[in-house]
Amino acid sequence: MSLCVELLAGALSGGAVLGQVESKKVAKSWGHTFVAIRPSDLVDDFDGKAASIIKTVKASGPHIRVPGERSGKTADERLAAGVMPVPSAVWEVILKTAESGLPK
């Protein structure tokens, strides 16, 4: 997976790549590539196939999660409860900005 990411986000985008720079952090050249695919143009019943894969992976062992599952559950719980926790430092900045406006 890392090799695929390096090829797509580094080489394809023209960003810094392994072997040509000491590190991407030093080069300050990360590179980004976005690919949009309409699954229905490639295959029938993509949603059903994807659901089958996820179900099988999750059934492969205890406590298996897929990316986004925990954060999705948390978002659903917060939406149902009607609350969104905000760290106190962030809240203080919001209050200060509300009172004083943005810095000029």
PDB file of N, CA and C in Angstrom:
ATOM      1  N   MET A   1       0.829  -1.175   0.000  1.00  0.00           N
ATOM      2  CA  MET A   1       0.000   0.000   0.000  1.00  0.00           C
ATOM      3  C   MET A   1       0.883   1.252   0.000  1.00  0.00           C
ATOM      4  N   SER A   2       1.935   1.241   0.795  1.00  0.00           N
ATOM      5  CA  SER A   2       2.814   2.411   0.843  1.00  0.00           C
ATOM      6  C   SER A   2       3.454   2.690  -0.505  1.00  0.00           C
ATOM      7  N   LEU A   3       3.817   1.636  -1.215  1.00  0.00           N
ATOM      8  CA  LEU A   3       4.407   1.813  -2.537  1.00  0.00           C
ATOM      9  C   LEU A   3       3.405   2.454  -3.492  1.00  0.00           C
ATOM     10  N   CYS A   4       2.169   2.021  -3.440  1.00  0.00           N
ATOM     11  CA  CYS A   4       1.123   2.616  -4.287  1.00  0.00           C
ATOM     12  C   CYS A   4       0.940   4.087  -3.969  1.00  0.00           C
ATOM     13  N   VAL A   5       0.918   4.419  -2.686  1.00  0.00           N
ATOM     14  CA  VAL A   5       0.772   5.816  -2.275  1.00  0.00           C
ATOM     15  C   VAL A   5       1.955   6.642  -2.774  1.00  0.00           C
ATOM     16  N   GLU A   6       3.162   6.110  -2.635  1.00  0.00           N
ATOM     17  CA  GLU A   6       4.355   6.829  -3.084  1.00  0.00           C
ATOM     18  C   GLU A   6       4.318   7.077  -4.590  1.00  0.00           C
ATOM     19  N   LEU A   7       3.895   6.075  -5.347  1.00  0.00           N
ATOM     20  CA  LEU A   7       3.822   6.232  -6.797  1.00  0.00           C
ATOM     21  C   LEU A   7       2.746   7.232  -7.207  1.00  0.00           C
ATOM     22  N   LEU A   8       1.570   7.151  -6.578  1.00  0.00           N
ATOM     23  CA  LEU A   8       0.472   8.040  -6.948  1.00  0.00           C
ATOM     24  C   LEU A   8       0.653   9.452  -6.421  1.00  0.00           C
ATOM     25  N   ALA A   9       0.992   9.586  -5.147  1.00  0.00           N
ATOM     26  CA  ALA A   9       1.057  10.918  -4.536  1.00  0.00           C
ATOM     27  C   ALA A   9       2.407  11.590  -4.734  1.00  0.00           C
ATOM     28  N   GLY A  10       3.453  10.820  -4.968  1.00  0.00           N
ATOM     29  CA  GLY A  10       4.772  11.411  -5.172  1.00  0.00           C
ATOM     30  C   GLY A  10       5.107  11.529  -6.645  1.00  0.00           C
ATOM     31  N   ALA A  11       5.354  10.379  -7.276  1.00  0.00           N
ATOM     32  CA  ALA A  11       5.805  10.376  -8.673  1.00  0.00           C
ATOM     33  C   ALA A  11       4.776  10.973  -9.623  1.00  0.00           C
ATOM     34  N   LEU A  12       3.526  10.555  -9.529  1.00  0.00           N
ATOM     35  CA  LEU A  12       2.500  11.025 -10.468  1.00  0.00           C
ATOM     36  C   LEU A  12       2.206  12.510 -10.323  1.00  0.00           C
ATOM     37  N   SER A  13       2.310  13.034  -9.112  1.00  0.00           N
ATOM     38  CA  SER A  13       1.992  14.447  -8.898  1.00  0.00           C
ATOM     39  C   SER A  13       3.178  15.375  -9.113  1.00  0.00           C
ATOM     40  N   GLY A  14       4.366  14.794  -9.280  1.00  0.00           N
ATOM     41  CA  GLY A  14       5.550  15.637  -9.456  1.00  0.00           C
ATOM     42  C   GLY A  14       6.185  16.054  -8.144  1.00  0.00           C
ATOM     43  N   GLY A  15       5.733  15.471  -7.042  1.00  0.00           N
ATOM     44  CA  GLY A  15       6.291  15.791  -5.730  1.00  0.00           C
ATOM     45  C   GLY A  15       7.620  15.096  -5.514  1.00  0.00           C
ATOM     46  N   ALA A  16       8.221  15.354  -4.371  1.00  0.00           N
ATOM     47  CA  ALA A  16       9.472  14.697  -3.999  1.00  0.00           C
ATOM     48  C   ALA A  16       9.224  13.195  -3.885  1.00  0.00           C
ATOM     49  N   VAL A  17      10.225  12.401  -4.259  1.00  0.00           N
ATOM     50  CA  VAL A  17      10.069  10.952  -4.198  1.00  0.00           C
ATOM     51  C   VAL A  17      11.253  10.310  -3.479  1.00  0.00           C
ATOM     52  N   LEU A  18      10.990   9.136  -2.956  1.00  0.00           N
ATOM     53  CA  LEU A  18      12.030   8.368  -2.271  1.00  0.00           C
ATOM     54  C   LEU A  18      13.237   8.175  -3.182  1.00  0.00           C
ATOM     55  N   GLY A  19      14.418   8.297  -2.614  1.00  0.00           N
ATOM     56  CA  GLY A  19      15.636   8.100  -3.390  1.00  0.00           C
ATOM     57  C   GLY A  19      16.152   9.353  -4.052  1.00  0.00           C
ATOM     58  N   GLN A  20      15.316  10.370  -4.166  1.00  0.00           N
ATOM     59  CA  GLN A  20      15.751  11.617  -4.793  1.00  0.00           C
ATOM     60  C   GLN A  20      15.916  12.752  -3.789  1.00  0.00           C
ATOM     61  N   VAL A  21      15.382  12.572  -2.593  1.00  0.00           N
ATOM     62  CA  VAL A  21      15.503  13.585  -1.544  1.00  0.00           C
ATOM     63  C   VAL A  21      15.796  12.883  -0.227  1.00  0.00           C
ATOM     64  N   GLU A  22      16.422  13.618   0.692  1.00  0.00           N
ATOM     65  CA  GLU A  22      16.713  13.065   2.017  1.00  0.00           C
ATOM     66  C   GLU A  22      15.417  12.657   2.714  1.00  0.00           C
ATOM     67  N   SER A  23      14.432  13.540   2.663  1.00  0.00           N
ATOM     68  CA  SER A  23      13.111  13.252   3.209  1.00  0.00           C
ATOM     69  C   SER A  23      12.128  14.238   2.607  1.00  0.00           C
ATOM     70  N   LYS A  24      10.873  13.841   2.557  1.00  0.00           N
ATOM     71  CA  LYS A  24       9.854  14.750   2.029  1.00  0.00           C
ATOM     72  C   LYS A  24       9.685  15.952   2.950  1.00  0.00           C
ATOM     73  N   LYS A  25       9.893  15.735   4.251  1.00  0.00           N
ATOM     74  CA  LYS A  25       9.779  16.839   5.209  1.00  0.00           C
ATOM     75  C   LYS A  25      10.842  17.891   4.912  1.00  0.00           C
ATOM     76  N   VAL A  26      12.070  17.459   4.675  1.00  0.00           N
ATOM     77  CA  VAL A  26      13.146  18.394   4.361  1.00  0.00           C
ATOM     78  C   VAL A  26      12.890  19.061   3.009  1.00  0.00           C
ATOM     79  N   ALA A  27      12.427  18.282   2.034  1.00  0.00           N
ATOM     80  CA  ALA A  27      12.171  18.823   0.695  1.00  0.00           C
ATOM     81  C   ALA A  27      10.965  19.745   0.669  1.00  0.00           C
ATOM     82  N   LYS A  28      10.073  19.602   1.660  1.00  0.00           N
ATOM     83  CA  LYS A  28       8.828  20.369   1.709  1.00  0.00           C
ATOM     84  C   LYS A  28       8.051  20.226   0.396  1.00  0.00           C
ATOM     85  N   SER A  29       7.986  18.989  -0.075  1.00  0.00           N
ATOM     86  CA  SER A  29       7.313  18.697  -1.333  1.00  0.00           C
ATOM     87  C   SER A  29       6.626  17.347  -1.200  1.00  0.00           C
ATOM     88  N   TRP A  30       5.400  17.367  -0.697  1.00  0.00           N
ATOM     89  CA  TRP A  30       4.698  16.119  -0.415  1.00  0.00           C
ATOM     90  C   TRP A  30       4.039  15.529  -1.635  1.00  0.00           C
ATOM     91  N   GLY A  31       3.353  16.316  -2.417  1.00  0.00           N
ATOM     92  CA  GLY A  31       2.625  15.823  -3.580  1.00  0.00           C
ATOM     93  C   GLY A  31       1.285  15.244  -3.171  1.00  0.00           C
ATOM     94  N   HIS A  32       0.289  15.481  -3.985  1.00  0.00           N
ATOM     95  CA  HIS A  32      -1.054  14.959  -3.740  1.00  0.00           C
ATOM     96  C   HIS A  32      -1.687  14.598  -5.073  1.00  0.00           C
ATOM     97  N   THR A  33      -2.381  13.496  -5.099  1.00  0.00           N
ATOM     98  CA  THR A  33      -3.121  13.083  -6.283  1.00  0.00           C
ATOM     99  C   THR A  33      -4.510  12.661  -5.840  1.00  0.00           C
ATOM    100  N   PHE A  34      -5.516  13.117  -6.539  1.00  0.00           N
ATOM    101  CA  PHE A  34      -6.889  12.708  -6.255  1.00  0.00           C
ATOM    102  C   PHE A  34      -7.420  11.970  -7.480  1.00  0.00           C
ATOM    103  N   VAL A  35      -8.048  10.844  -7.229  1.00  0.00           N
ATOM    104  CA  VAL A  35      -8.623  10.054  -8.307  1.00  0.00           C
ATOM    105  C   VAL A  35     -10.101   9.862  -7.997  1.00  0.00           C
ATOM    106  N   ALA A  36     -10.946  10.226  -8.926  1.00  0.00           N
ATOM    107  CA  ALA A  36     -12.388  10.044  -8.752  1.00  0.00           C
ATOM    108  C   ALA A  36     -12.853   8.940  -9.692  1.00  0.00           C
ATOM    109  N   ILE A  37     -13.557   7.974  -9.134  1.00  0.00           N
ATOM    110  CA  ILE A  37     -14.037   6.843  -9.926  1.00  0.00           C
ATOM    111  C   ILE A  37     -15.529   6.680  -9.683  1.00  0.00           C
ATOM    112  N   ARG A  38     -16.273   6.515 -10.733  1.00  0.00           N
ATOM    113  CA  ARG A  38     -17.693   6.194 -10.626  1.00  0.00           C
ATOM    114  C   ARG A  38     -17.786   4.675 -10.765  1.00  0.00           C
ATOM    115  N   PRO A  39     -17.900   3.954  -9.634  1.00  0.00           N
ATOM    116  CA  PRO A  39     -17.869   2.489  -9.679  1.00  0.00           C
ATOM    117  C   PRO A  39     -18.874   1.876 -10.641  1.00  0.00           C
ATOM    118  N   SER A  40     -20.037   2.498 -10.789  1.00  0.00           N
ATOM    119  CA  SER A  40     -21.064   1.930 -11.673  1.00  0.00           C
ATOM    120  C   SER A  40     -20.622   1.887 -13.133  1.00  0.00           C
ATOM    121  N   ASP A  41     -19.601   2.689 -13.501  1.00  0.00           N
ATOM    122  CA  ASP A  41     -19.073   2.639 -14.863  1.00  0.00           C
ATOM    123  C   ASP A  41     -18.156   1.438 -15.073  1.00  0.00           C
ATOM    124  N   LEU A  42     -17.726   0.828 -13.983  1.00  0.00           N
ATOM    125  CA  LEU A  42     -16.787  -0.287 -14.075  1.00  0.00           C
ATOM    126  C   LEU A  42     -17.404  -1.641 -13.745  1.00  0.00           C
ATOM    127  N   VAL A  43     -18.353  -1.655 -12.820  1.00  0.00           N
ATOM    128  CA  VAL A  43     -18.874  -2.927 -12.328  1.00  0.00           C
ATOM    129  C   VAL A  43     -20.315  -2.752 -11.852  1.00  0.00           C
ATOM    130  N   ASP A  44     -21.086  -3.826 -11.953  1.00  0.00           N
ATOM    131  CA  ASP A  44     -22.438  -3.826 -11.402  1.00  0.00           C
ATOM    132  C   ASP A  44     -22.374  -4.146  -9.922  1.00  0.00           C
ATOM    133  N   ASP A  45     -23.257  -3.553  -9.129  1.00  0.00           N
ATOM    134  CA  ASP A  45     -23.414  -3.834  -7.702  1.00  0.00           C
ATOM    135  C   ASP A  45     -22.138  -3.645  -6.884  1.00  0.00           C
ATOM    136  N   PHE A  46     -21.447  -2.538  -7.124  1.00  0.00           N
ATOM    137  CA  PHE A  46     -20.244  -2.256  -6.338  1.00  0.00           C
ATOM    138  C   PHE A  46     -20.565  -2.208  -4.855  1.00  0.00           C
ATOM    139  N   ASP A  47     -21.666  -1.554  -4.479  1.00  0.00           N
ATOM    140  CA  ASP A  47     -22.019  -1.440  -3.060  1.00  0.00           C
ATOM    141  C   ASP A  47     -22.181  -2.813  -2.418  1.00  0.00           C
ATOM    142  N   GLY A  48     -22.823  -3.733  -3.106  1.00  0.00           N
ATOM    143  CA  GLY A  48     -22.995  -5.083  -2.581  1.00  0.00           C
ATOM    144  C   GLY A  48     -21.676  -5.820  -2.458  1.00  0.00           C
ATOM    145  N   LYS A  49     -20.812  -5.667  -3.448  1.00  0.00           N
ATOM    146  CA  LYS A  49     -19.496  -6.307  -3.411  1.00  0.00           C
ATOM    147  C   LYS A  49     -18.653  -5.744  -2.270  1.00  0.00           C
ATOM    148  N   ALA A  50     -18.651  -4.415  -2.128  1.00  0.00           N
ATOM    149  CA  ALA A  50     -17.885  -3.785  -1.055  1.00  0.00           C
ATOM    150  C   ALA A  50     -18.413  -4.216   0.303  1.00  0.00           C
ATOM    151  N   ALA A  51     -19.727  -4.268   0.456  1.00  0.00           N
ATOM    152  CA  ALA A  51     -20.326  -4.709   1.720  1.00  0.00           C
ATOM    153  C   ALA A  51     -19.924  -6.148   2.043  1.00  0.00           C
ATOM    154  N   SER A  52     -19.863  -7.001   1.034  1.00  0.00           N
ATOM    155  CA  SER A  52     -19.459  -8.392   1.235  1.00  0.00           C
ATOM    156  C   SER A  52     -18.007  -8.482   1.707  1.00  0.00           C
ATOM    157  N   ILE A  53     -17.140  -7.691   1.095  1.00  0.00           N
ATOM    158  CA  ILE A  53     -15.726  -7.674   1.491  1.00  0.00           C
ATOM    159  C   ILE A  53     -15.589  -7.217   2.939  1.00  0.00           C
ATOM    160  N   ILE A  54     -16.250  -6.115   3.282  1.00  0.00           N
ATOM    161  CA  ILE A  54     -16.152  -5.579   4.644  1.00  0.00           C
ATOM    162  C   ILE A  54     -16.701  -6.576   5.651  1.00  0.00           C
ATOM    163  N   LYS A  55     -17.827  -7.201   5.338  1.00  0.00           N
ATOM    164  CA  LYS A  55     -18.419  -8.192   6.235  1.00  0.00           C
ATOM    165  C   LYS A  55     -17.457  -9.354   6.468  1.00  0.00           C
ATOM    166  N   THR A  56     -16.812  -9.827   5.409  1.00  0.00           N
ATOM    167  CA  THR A  56     -15.885 -10.945   5.517  1.00  0.00           C
ATOM    168  C   THR A  56     -14.646 -10.564   6.324  1.00  0.00           C
ATOM    169  N   VAL A  57     -14.110  -9.371   6.079  1.00  0.00           N
ATOM    170  CA  VAL A  57     -12.934  -8.910   6.828  1.00  0.00           C
ATOM    171  C   VAL A  57     -13.273  -8.793   8.310  1.00  0.00           C
ATOM    172  N   LYS A  58     -14.425  -8.193   8.622  1.00  0.00           N
ATOM    173  CA  LYS A  58     -14.816  -8.020  10.025  1.00  0.00           C
ATOM    174  C   LYS A  58     -15.065  -9.355  10.715  1.00  0.00           C
ATOM    175  N   ALA A  59     -15.506 -10.371   9.957  1.00  0.00           N
ATOM    176  CA  ALA A  59     -15.773 -11.690  10.532  1.00  0.00           C
ATOM    177  C   ALA A  59     -14.492 -12.504  10.712  1.00  0.00           C
ATOM    178  N   SER A  60     -13.358 -11.977  10.240  1.00  0.00           N
ATOM    179  CA  SER A  60     -12.116 -12.746  10.285  1.00  0.00           C
ATOM    180  C   SER A  60     -11.488 -12.829  11.666  1.00  0.00           C
ATOM    181  N   GLY A  61     -11.953 -12.042  12.609  1.00  0.00           N
ATOM    182  CA  GLY A  61     -11.401 -12.096  13.953  1.00  0.00           C
ATOM    183  C   GLY A  61     -12.101 -11.113  14.861  1.00  0.00           C
ATOM    184  N   PRO A  62     -11.890 -11.282  16.153  1.00  0.00           N
ATOM    185  CA  PRO A  62     -12.532 -10.374  17.099  1.00  0.00           C
ATOM    186  C   PRO A  62     -11.919  -8.968  17.035  1.00  0.00           C
ATOM    187  N   HIS A  63     -12.742  -7.988  17.280  1.00  0.00           N
ATOM    188  CA  HIS A  63     -12.304  -6.587  17.384  1.00  0.00           C
ATOM    189  C   HIS A  63     -11.734  -6.020  16.084  1.00  0.00           C
ATOM    190  N   ILE A  64     -12.113  -6.583  14.942  1.00  0.00           N
ATOM    191  CA  ILE A  64     -11.658  -6.059  13.649  1.00  0.00           C
ATOM    192  C   ILE A  64     -12.532  -4.864  13.284  1.00  0.00           C
ATOM    193  N   ARG A  65     -11.878  -3.769  12.915  1.00  0.00           N
ATOM    194  CA  ARG A  65     -12.600  -2.575  12.465  1.00  0.00           C
ATOM    195  C   ARG A  65     -12.067  -2.175  11.098  1.00  0.00           C
ATOM    196  N   VAL A  66     -12.867  -1.431  10.367  1.00  0.00           N
ATOM    197  CA  VAL A  66     -12.436  -0.894   9.081  1.00  0.00           C
ATOM    198  C   VAL A  66     -12.219   0.609   9.243  1.00  0.00           C
ATOM    199  N   PRO A  67     -11.396   1.210   8.386  1.00  0.00           N
ATOM    200  CA  PRO A  67     -11.132   2.644   8.500  1.00  0.00           C
ATOM    201  C   PRO A  67     -12.423   3.463   8.511  1.00  0.00           C
ATOM    202  N   GLY A  68     -12.503   4.389   9.447  1.00  0.00           N
ATOM    203  CA  GLY A  68     -13.651   5.279   9.561  1.00  0.00           C
ATOM    204  C   GLY A  68     -14.780   4.754  10.430  1.00  0.00           C
ATOM    205  N   GLU A  69     -14.709   3.485  10.808  1.00  0.00           N
ATOM    206  CA  GLU A  69     -15.809   2.892  11.571  1.00  0.00           C
ATOM    207  C   GLU A  69     -15.943   3.529  12.956  1.00  0.00           C
ATOM    208  N   ARG A  70     -14.839   3.669  13.669  1.00  0.00           N
ATOM    209  CA  ARG A  70     -14.907   4.236  15.022  1.00  0.00           C
ATOM    210  C   ARG A  70     -15.323   5.705  14.979  1.00  0.00           C
ATOM    211  N   SER A  71     -14.733   6.485  14.067  1.00  0.00           N
ATOM    212  CA  SER A  71     -15.096   7.906  14.003  1.00  0.00           C
ATOM    213  C   SER A  71     -16.536   8.086  13.524  1.00  0.00           C
ATOM    214  N   GLY A  72     -17.001   7.204  12.640  1.00  0.00           N
ATOM    215  CA  GLY A  72     -18.392   7.262  12.205  1.00  0.00           C
ATOM    216  C   GLY A  72     -19.353   6.978  13.342  1.00  0.00           C
ATOM    217  N   LYS A  73     -19.007   5.990  14.168  1.00  0.00           N
ATOM    218  CA  LYS A  73     -19.834   5.666  15.333  1.00  0.00           C
ATOM    219  C   LYS A  73     -19.868   6.841  16.307  1.00  0.00           C
ATOM    220  N   THR A  74     -18.709   7.442  16.536  1.00  0.00           N
ATOM    221  CA  THR A  74     -18.632   8.597  17.435  1.00  0.00           C
ATOM    222  C   THR A  74     -19.472   9.752  16.903  1.00  0.00           C
ATOM    223  N   ALA A  75     -19.381  10.016  15.605  1.00  0.00           N
ATOM    224  CA  ALA A  75     -20.167  11.100  15.000  1.00  0.00           C
ATOM    225  C   ALA A  75     -21.660  10.826  15.138  1.00  0.00           C
ATOM    226  N   ASP A  76     -22.084   9.577  14.905  1.00  0.00           N
ATOM    227  CA  ASP A  76     -23.499   9.217  15.049  1.00  0.00           C
ATOM    228  C   ASP A  76     -23.975   9.425  16.483  1.00  0.00           C
ATOM    229  N   GLU A  77     -23.157   9.020  17.450  1.00  0.00           N
ATOM    230  CA  GLU A  77     -23.520   9.173  18.867  1.00  0.00           C
ATOM    231  C   GLU A  77     -23.648  10.646  19.239  1.00  0.00           C
ATOM    232  N   ARG A  78     -22.714  11.465  18.775  1.00  0.00           N
ATOM    233  CA  ARG A  78     -22.752  12.894  19.086  1.00  0.00           C
ATOM    234  C   ARG A  78     -23.932  13.576  18.414  1.00  0.00           C
ATOM    235  N   LEU A  79     -24.232  13.181  17.201  1.00  0.00           N
ATOM    236  CA  LEU A  79     -25.384  13.740  16.499  1.00  0.00           C
ATOM    237  C   LEU A  79     -26.680  13.383  17.220  1.00  0.00           C
ATOM    238  N   ALA A  80     -26.791  12.124  17.642  1.00  0.00           N
ATOM    239  CA  ALA A  80     -27.989  11.678  18.359  1.00  0.00           C
ATOM    240  C   ALA A  80     -28.126  12.395  19.696  1.00  0.00           C
ATOM    241  N   ALA A  81     -27.003  12.645  20.367  1.00  0.00           N
ATOM    242  CA  ALA A  81     -27.025  13.315  21.672  1.00  0.00           C
ATOM    243  C   ALA A  81     -27.171  14.832  21.534  1.00  0.00           C
ATOM    244  N   GLY A  82     -26.888  15.349  20.342  1.00  0.00           N
ATOM    245  CA  GLY A  82     -26.994  16.790  20.122  1.00  0.00           C
ATOM    246  C   GLY A  82     -25.867  17.581  20.767  1.00  0.00           C
ATOM    247  N   VAL A  83     -24.717  16.949  20.971  1.00  0.00           N
ATOM    248  CA  VAL A  83     -23.577  17.635  21.583  1.00  0.00           C
ATOM    249  C   VAL A  83     -22.315  17.373  20.774  1.00  0.00           C
ATOM    250  N   MET A  84     -21.421  18.347  20.810  1.00  0.00           N
ATOM    251  CA  MET A  84     -20.120  18.202  20.176  1.00  0.00           C
ATOM    252  C   MET A  84     -19.087  18.749  21.149  1.00  0.00           C
ATOM    253  N   PRO A  85     -18.271  17.877  21.749  1.00  0.00           N
ATOM    254  CA  PRO A  85     -17.274  18.369  22.698  1.00  0.00           C
ATOM    255  C   PRO A  85     -16.244  19.267  22.000  1.00  0.00           C
ATOM    256  N   VAL A  86     -15.929  20.367  22.649  1.00  0.00           N
ATOM    257  CA  VAL A  86     -14.941  21.303  22.127  1.00  0.00           C
ATOM    258  C   VAL A  86     -13.883  21.490  23.212  1.00  0.00           C
ATOM    259  N   PRO A  87     -12.599  21.279  22.893  1.00  0.00           N
ATOM    260  CA  PRO A  87     -11.553  21.488  23.894  1.00  0.00           C
ATOM    261  C   PRO A  87     -11.605  22.904  24.458  1.00  0.00           C
ATOM    262  N   SER A  88     -11.329  23.038  25.741  1.00  0.00           N
ATOM    263  CA  SER A  88     -11.466  24.336  26.400  1.00  0.00           C
ATOM    264  C   SER A  88     -10.586  25.410  25.766  1.00  0.00           C
ATOM    265  N   ALA A  89      -9.380  25.061  25.322  1.00  0.00           N
ATOM    266  CA  ALA A  89      -8.508  26.056  24.696  1.00  0.00           C
ATOM    267  C   ALA A  89      -9.131  26.577  23.403  1.00  0.00           C
ATOM    268  N   VAL A  90      -9.753  25.707  22.643  1.00  0.00           N
ATOM    269  CA  VAL A  90     -10.411  26.111  21.403  1.00  0.00           C
ATOM    270  C   VAL A  90     -11.621  26.990  21.719  1.00  0.00           C
ATOM    271  N   TRP A  91     -12.387  26.602  22.728  1.00  0.00           N
ATOM    272  CA  TRP A  91     -13.561  27.372  23.116  1.00  0.00           C
ATOM    273  C   TRP A  91     -13.166  28.781  23.556  1.00  0.00           C
ATOM    274  N   GLU A  92     -12.074  28.895  24.289  1.00  0.00           N
ATOM    275  CA  GLU A  92     -11.606  30.216  24.737  1.00  0.00           C
ATOM    276  C   GLU A  92     -11.257  31.102  23.546  1.00  0.00           C
ATOM    277  N   VAL A  93     -10.630  30.544  22.533  1.00  0.00           N
ATOM    278  CA  VAL A  93     -10.300  31.321  21.333  1.00  0.00           C
ATOM    279  C   VAL A  93     -11.578  31.747  20.610  1.00  0.00           C
ATOM    280  N   ILE A  94     -12.560  30.867  20.555  1.00  0.00           N
ATOM    281  CA  ILE A  94     -13.842  31.203  19.922  1.00  0.00           C
ATOM    282  C   ILE A  94     -14.492  32.365  20.659  1.00  0.00           C
ATOM    283  N   LEU A  95     -14.517  32.294  21.991  1.00  0.00           N
ATOM    284  CA  LEU A  95     -15.119  33.372  22.787  1.00  0.00           C
ATOM    285  C   LEU A  95     -14.372  34.683  22.601  1.00  0.00           C
ATOM    286  N   LYS A  96     -13.041  34.619  22.610  1.00  0.00           N
ATOM    287  CA  LYS A  96     -12.231  35.834  22.441  1.00  0.00           C
ATOM    288  C   LYS A  96     -12.490  36.457  21.070  1.00  0.00           C
ATOM    289  N   THR A  97     -12.563  35.624  20.047  1.00  0.00           N
ATOM    290  CA  THR A  97     -12.829  36.130  18.696  1.00  0.00           C
ATOM    291  C   THR A  97     -14.227  36.731  18.610  1.00  0.00           C
ATOM    292  N   ALA A  98     -15.195  36.110  19.272  1.00  0.00           N
ATOM    293  CA  ALA A  98     -16.566  36.624  19.263  1.00  0.00           C
ATOM    294  C   ALA A  98     -16.620  38.006  19.922  1.00  0.00           C
ATOM    295  N   GLU A  99     -15.836  38.197  20.970  1.00  0.00           N
ATOM    296  CA  GLU A  99     -15.843  39.482  21.680  1.00  0.00           C
ATOM    297  C   GLU A  99     -15.019  40.548  20.962  1.00  0.00           C
ATOM    298  N   SER A 100     -13.839  40.171  20.470  1.00  0.00           N
ATOM    299  CA  SER A 100     -12.899  41.150  19.927  1.00  0.00           C
ATOM    300  C   SER A 100     -12.834  41.203  18.413  1.00  0.00           C
ATOM    301  N   GLY A 101     -13.376  40.215  17.755  1.00  0.00           N
ATOM    302  CA  GLY A 101     -13.251  40.146  16.308  1.00  0.00           C
ATOM    303  C   GLY A 101     -11.914  39.531  15.907  1.00  0.00           C
ATOM    304  N   LEU A 102     -11.726  39.424  14.631  1.00  0.00           N
ATOM    305  CA  LEU A 102     -10.479  38.853  14.109  1.00  0.00           C
ATOM    306  C   LEU A 102      -9.362  39.869  14.194  1.00  0.00           C
ATOM    307  N   PRO A 103      -8.123  39.412  14.402  1.00  0.00           N
ATOM    308  CA  PRO A 103      -6.990  40.358  14.421  1.00  0.00           C
ATOM    309  C   PRO A 103      -6.842  41.017  13.050  1.00  0.00           C
ATOM    310  N   LYS A 104      -6.415  42.277  13.089  1.00  0.00           N
ATOM    311  CA  LYS A 104      -6.257  43.014  11.824  1.00  0.00           C
ATOM    312  C   LYS A 104      -4.840  43.013  11.364  1.00  0.00           C
TER     313      LYS A 104
END
